[in-house]
């Protein structure tokens, strides 16, 4: 159970990082020539959010399968 709580905590912090990256991205888009890397800044936390979110989504189903 301890591992699941760590994944949840990482997922929460990743959501904060992703939100900040999106805000930075929006601010960079107001510049005349935005850098490409700023546009990709939110992609890394988004991929990690997807992976941790899919794990958290599947958790109840995995627990139910183990009980049966």
N, C-alpha and C. Protein backbone atom coordinates (compact mmCIF):
# COMPACT_ATOMS: atom_id res chain seq x y z
N UNK A 1 0.82 -1.20 0.00
CA UNK A 1 0.00 0.00 0.00
C UNK A 1 0.86 1.26 0.00
N UNK A 2 2.03 1.15 0.54
CA UNK A 2 2.92 2.30 0.62
C UNK A 2 3.33 2.78 -0.77
N UNK A 3 3.53 1.82 -1.69
CA UNK A 3 3.92 2.15 -3.06
C UNK A 3 2.82 2.94 -3.76
N UNK A 4 1.57 2.58 -3.52
CA UNK A 4 0.45 3.28 -4.14
C UNK A 4 0.36 4.72 -3.65
N UNK A 5 0.64 4.94 -2.40
CA UNK A 5 0.60 6.30 -1.86
C UNK A 5 1.70 7.16 -2.47
N UNK A 6 2.84 6.57 -2.72
CA UNK A 6 3.93 7.31 -3.37
C UNK A 6 3.56 7.70 -4.79
N UNK A 7 2.93 6.79 -5.51
CA UNK A 7 2.49 7.10 -6.88
C UNK A 7 1.47 8.23 -6.86
N UNK A 8 0.55 8.20 -5.90
CA UNK A 8 -0.44 9.27 -5.79
C UNK A 8 0.23 10.61 -5.51
N UNK A 9 1.22 10.62 -4.62
CA UNK A 9 1.91 11.86 -4.29
C UNK A 9 2.69 12.39 -5.50
N UNK A 10 3.36 11.50 -6.21
CA UNK A 10 4.08 11.90 -7.42
C UNK A 10 3.11 12.45 -8.46
N UNK A 11 1.96 11.81 -8.59
CA UNK A 11 0.95 12.27 -9.54
C UNK A 11 0.47 13.68 -9.19
N UNK A 12 0.28 13.94 -7.92
CA UNK A 12 -0.15 15.29 -7.49
C UNK A 12 0.91 16.34 -7.81
N UNK A 13 2.17 16.04 -7.51
CA UNK A 13 3.24 16.99 -7.78
C UNK A 13 3.45 17.18 -9.29
N UNK A 14 3.28 16.12 -10.05
CA UNK A 14 3.39 16.24 -11.50
C UNK A 14 2.30 17.15 -12.07
N UNK A 15 1.13 17.10 -11.47
CA UNK A 15 0.06 17.97 -11.95
C UNK A 15 0.40 19.44 -11.70
N UNK A 16 1.07 19.73 -10.60
CA UNK A 16 1.50 21.10 -10.32
C UNK A 16 2.57 21.52 -11.31
N UNK A 17 3.53 20.64 -11.57
CA UNK A 17 4.60 20.95 -12.53
C UNK A 17 4.00 21.16 -13.92
N UNK A 18 3.05 20.32 -14.30
CA UNK A 18 2.42 20.45 -15.61
C UNK A 18 1.68 21.79 -15.72
N UNK A 19 0.97 22.17 -14.67
CA UNK A 19 0.24 23.44 -14.68
C UNK A 19 1.20 24.61 -14.85
N UNK A 20 2.31 24.58 -14.12
CA UNK A 20 3.31 25.65 -14.26
C UNK A 20 3.91 25.66 -15.67
N UNK A 21 4.16 24.50 -16.23
CA UNK A 21 4.71 24.43 -17.59
C UNK A 21 3.74 25.00 -18.61
N UNK A 22 2.45 24.75 -18.43
CA UNK A 22 1.46 25.31 -19.34
C UNK A 22 1.39 26.83 -19.21
N UNK A 23 1.47 27.33 -17.99
CA UNK A 23 1.46 28.79 -17.77
C UNK A 23 2.69 29.42 -18.43
N UNK A 24 3.85 28.80 -18.27
CA UNK A 24 5.07 29.30 -18.91
C UNK A 24 4.92 29.26 -20.43
N UNK A 25 4.32 28.21 -20.93
CA UNK A 25 4.10 28.07 -22.36
C UNK A 25 3.19 29.18 -22.89
N UNK A 26 2.13 29.47 -22.17
CA UNK A 26 1.22 30.54 -22.58
C UNK A 26 1.92 31.89 -22.56
N UNK A 27 2.73 32.12 -21.53
CA UNK A 27 3.47 33.38 -21.44
C UNK A 27 4.48 33.48 -22.58
N UNK A 28 5.10 32.38 -22.95
CA UNK A 28 6.08 32.39 -24.03
C UNK A 28 5.43 32.61 -25.38
N UNK A 29 4.19 32.18 -25.54
CA UNK A 29 3.51 32.36 -26.81
C UNK A 29 3.18 33.83 -27.09
N UNK A 30 3.18 34.65 -26.05
CA UNK A 30 2.91 36.08 -26.26
C UNK A 30 4.14 36.79 -26.80
N UNK A 31 5.29 36.15 -26.73
CA UNK A 31 6.52 36.73 -27.26
C UNK A 31 6.49 36.70 -28.79
N UNK A 32 7.32 37.49 -29.40
CA UNK A 32 7.32 37.55 -30.86
C UNK A 32 7.82 36.26 -31.49
N UNK A 33 8.88 35.68 -30.95
CA UNK A 33 9.46 34.45 -31.49
C UNK A 33 9.64 33.44 -30.36
N UNK A 34 8.59 32.66 -30.06
CA UNK A 34 8.72 31.70 -28.96
C UNK A 34 9.69 30.57 -29.32
N UNK A 35 10.43 30.12 -28.36
CA UNK A 35 11.39 29.03 -28.57
C UNK A 35 10.64 27.70 -28.66
N UNK A 36 11.17 26.80 -29.45
CA UNK A 36 10.54 25.49 -29.64
C UNK A 36 10.54 24.70 -28.33
N UNK A 37 11.64 24.78 -27.57
CA UNK A 37 11.74 23.97 -26.35
C UNK A 37 10.70 24.38 -25.32
N UNK A 38 10.26 25.64 -25.35
CA UNK A 38 9.23 26.07 -24.40
C UNK A 38 7.91 25.40 -24.75
N UNK A 39 7.67 25.20 -26.02
CA UNK A 39 6.45 24.52 -26.44
C UNK A 39 6.43 23.07 -26.01
N UNK A 40 7.60 22.47 -25.93
CA UNK A 40 7.71 21.06 -25.52
C UNK A 40 7.87 20.90 -24.01
N UNK A 41 7.93 22.00 -23.31
CA UNK A 41 8.17 21.97 -21.86
C UNK A 41 7.11 21.18 -21.10
N UNK A 42 5.88 21.29 -21.52
CA UNK A 42 4.78 20.61 -20.81
C UNK A 42 4.64 19.15 -21.22
N UNK A 43 5.34 18.73 -22.25
CA UNK A 43 5.16 17.38 -22.76
C UNK A 43 5.70 16.31 -21.81
N UNK A 44 6.86 16.54 -21.21
CA UNK A 44 7.46 15.56 -20.31
C UNK A 44 6.59 15.28 -19.08
N UNK A 45 6.14 16.32 -18.35
CA UNK A 45 5.25 16.01 -17.21
C UNK A 45 3.92 15.42 -17.65
N UNK A 46 3.47 15.78 -18.86
CA UNK A 46 2.20 15.23 -19.35
C UNK A 46 2.31 13.72 -19.58
N UNK A 47 3.43 13.27 -20.12
CA UNK A 47 3.64 11.84 -20.34
C UNK A 47 3.70 11.10 -19.00
N UNK A 48 4.41 11.68 -18.04
CA UNK A 48 4.48 11.05 -16.72
C UNK A 48 3.12 11.05 -16.03
N UNK A 49 2.35 12.11 -16.23
CA UNK A 49 0.99 12.16 -15.67
C UNK A 49 0.11 11.07 -16.30
N UNK A 50 0.27 10.86 -17.59
CA UNK A 50 -0.49 9.82 -18.26
C UNK A 50 -0.18 8.45 -17.68
N UNK A 51 1.11 8.16 -17.52
CA UNK A 51 1.51 6.85 -17.00
C UNK A 51 1.03 6.63 -15.57
N UNK A 52 1.24 7.63 -14.71
CA UNK A 52 0.81 7.46 -13.32
C UNK A 52 -0.71 7.46 -13.21
N UNK A 53 -1.39 8.24 -14.05
CA UNK A 53 -2.84 8.25 -14.03
C UNK A 53 -3.44 6.93 -14.49
N UNK A 54 -2.84 6.33 -15.52
CA UNK A 54 -3.32 5.02 -15.96
C UNK A 54 -3.12 3.96 -14.89
N UNK A 55 -1.99 4.05 -14.18
CA UNK A 55 -1.75 3.11 -13.09
C UNK A 55 -2.79 3.28 -11.99
N UNK A 56 -3.05 4.52 -11.60
CA UNK A 56 -4.02 4.78 -10.55
C UNK A 56 -5.43 4.39 -10.99
N UNK A 57 -5.72 4.56 -12.28
CA UNK A 57 -7.03 4.17 -12.80
C UNK A 57 -7.21 2.65 -12.74
N UNK A 58 -6.15 1.91 -13.03
CA UNK A 58 -6.24 0.44 -13.08
C UNK A 58 -6.17 -0.19 -11.70
N UNK A 59 -5.76 0.53 -10.69
CA UNK A 59 -5.55 -0.02 -9.36
C UNK A 59 -6.77 -0.72 -8.78
N UNK A 60 -7.96 -0.13 -8.80
CA UNK A 60 -9.13 -0.84 -8.24
C UNK A 60 -9.45 -2.13 -8.99
N UNK A 61 -9.26 -2.10 -10.30
CA UNK A 61 -9.55 -3.30 -11.09
C UNK A 61 -8.54 -4.41 -10.80
N UNK A 62 -7.30 -4.04 -10.59
CA UNK A 62 -6.27 -5.04 -10.25
C UNK A 62 -6.55 -5.62 -8.87
N UNK A 63 -6.97 -4.79 -7.94
CA UNK A 63 -7.27 -5.27 -6.59
C UNK A 63 -8.48 -6.20 -6.60
N UNK A 64 -9.47 -5.87 -7.40
CA UNK A 64 -10.66 -6.71 -7.52
C UNK A 64 -10.30 -8.07 -8.14
N UNK A 65 -9.41 -8.06 -9.12
CA UNK A 65 -9.00 -9.31 -9.77
C UNK A 65 -8.20 -10.18 -8.80
N UNK A 66 -7.44 -9.58 -7.91
CA UNK A 66 -6.67 -10.35 -6.94
C UNK A 66 -7.57 -10.98 -5.88
N UNK A 67 -8.68 -10.30 -5.54
CA UNK A 67 -9.60 -10.83 -4.53
C UNK A 67 -10.38 -12.03 -5.06
N UNK A 68 -10.62 -12.04 -6.34
CA UNK A 68 -11.44 -13.13 -6.92
C UNK A 68 -10.69 -14.42 -7.04
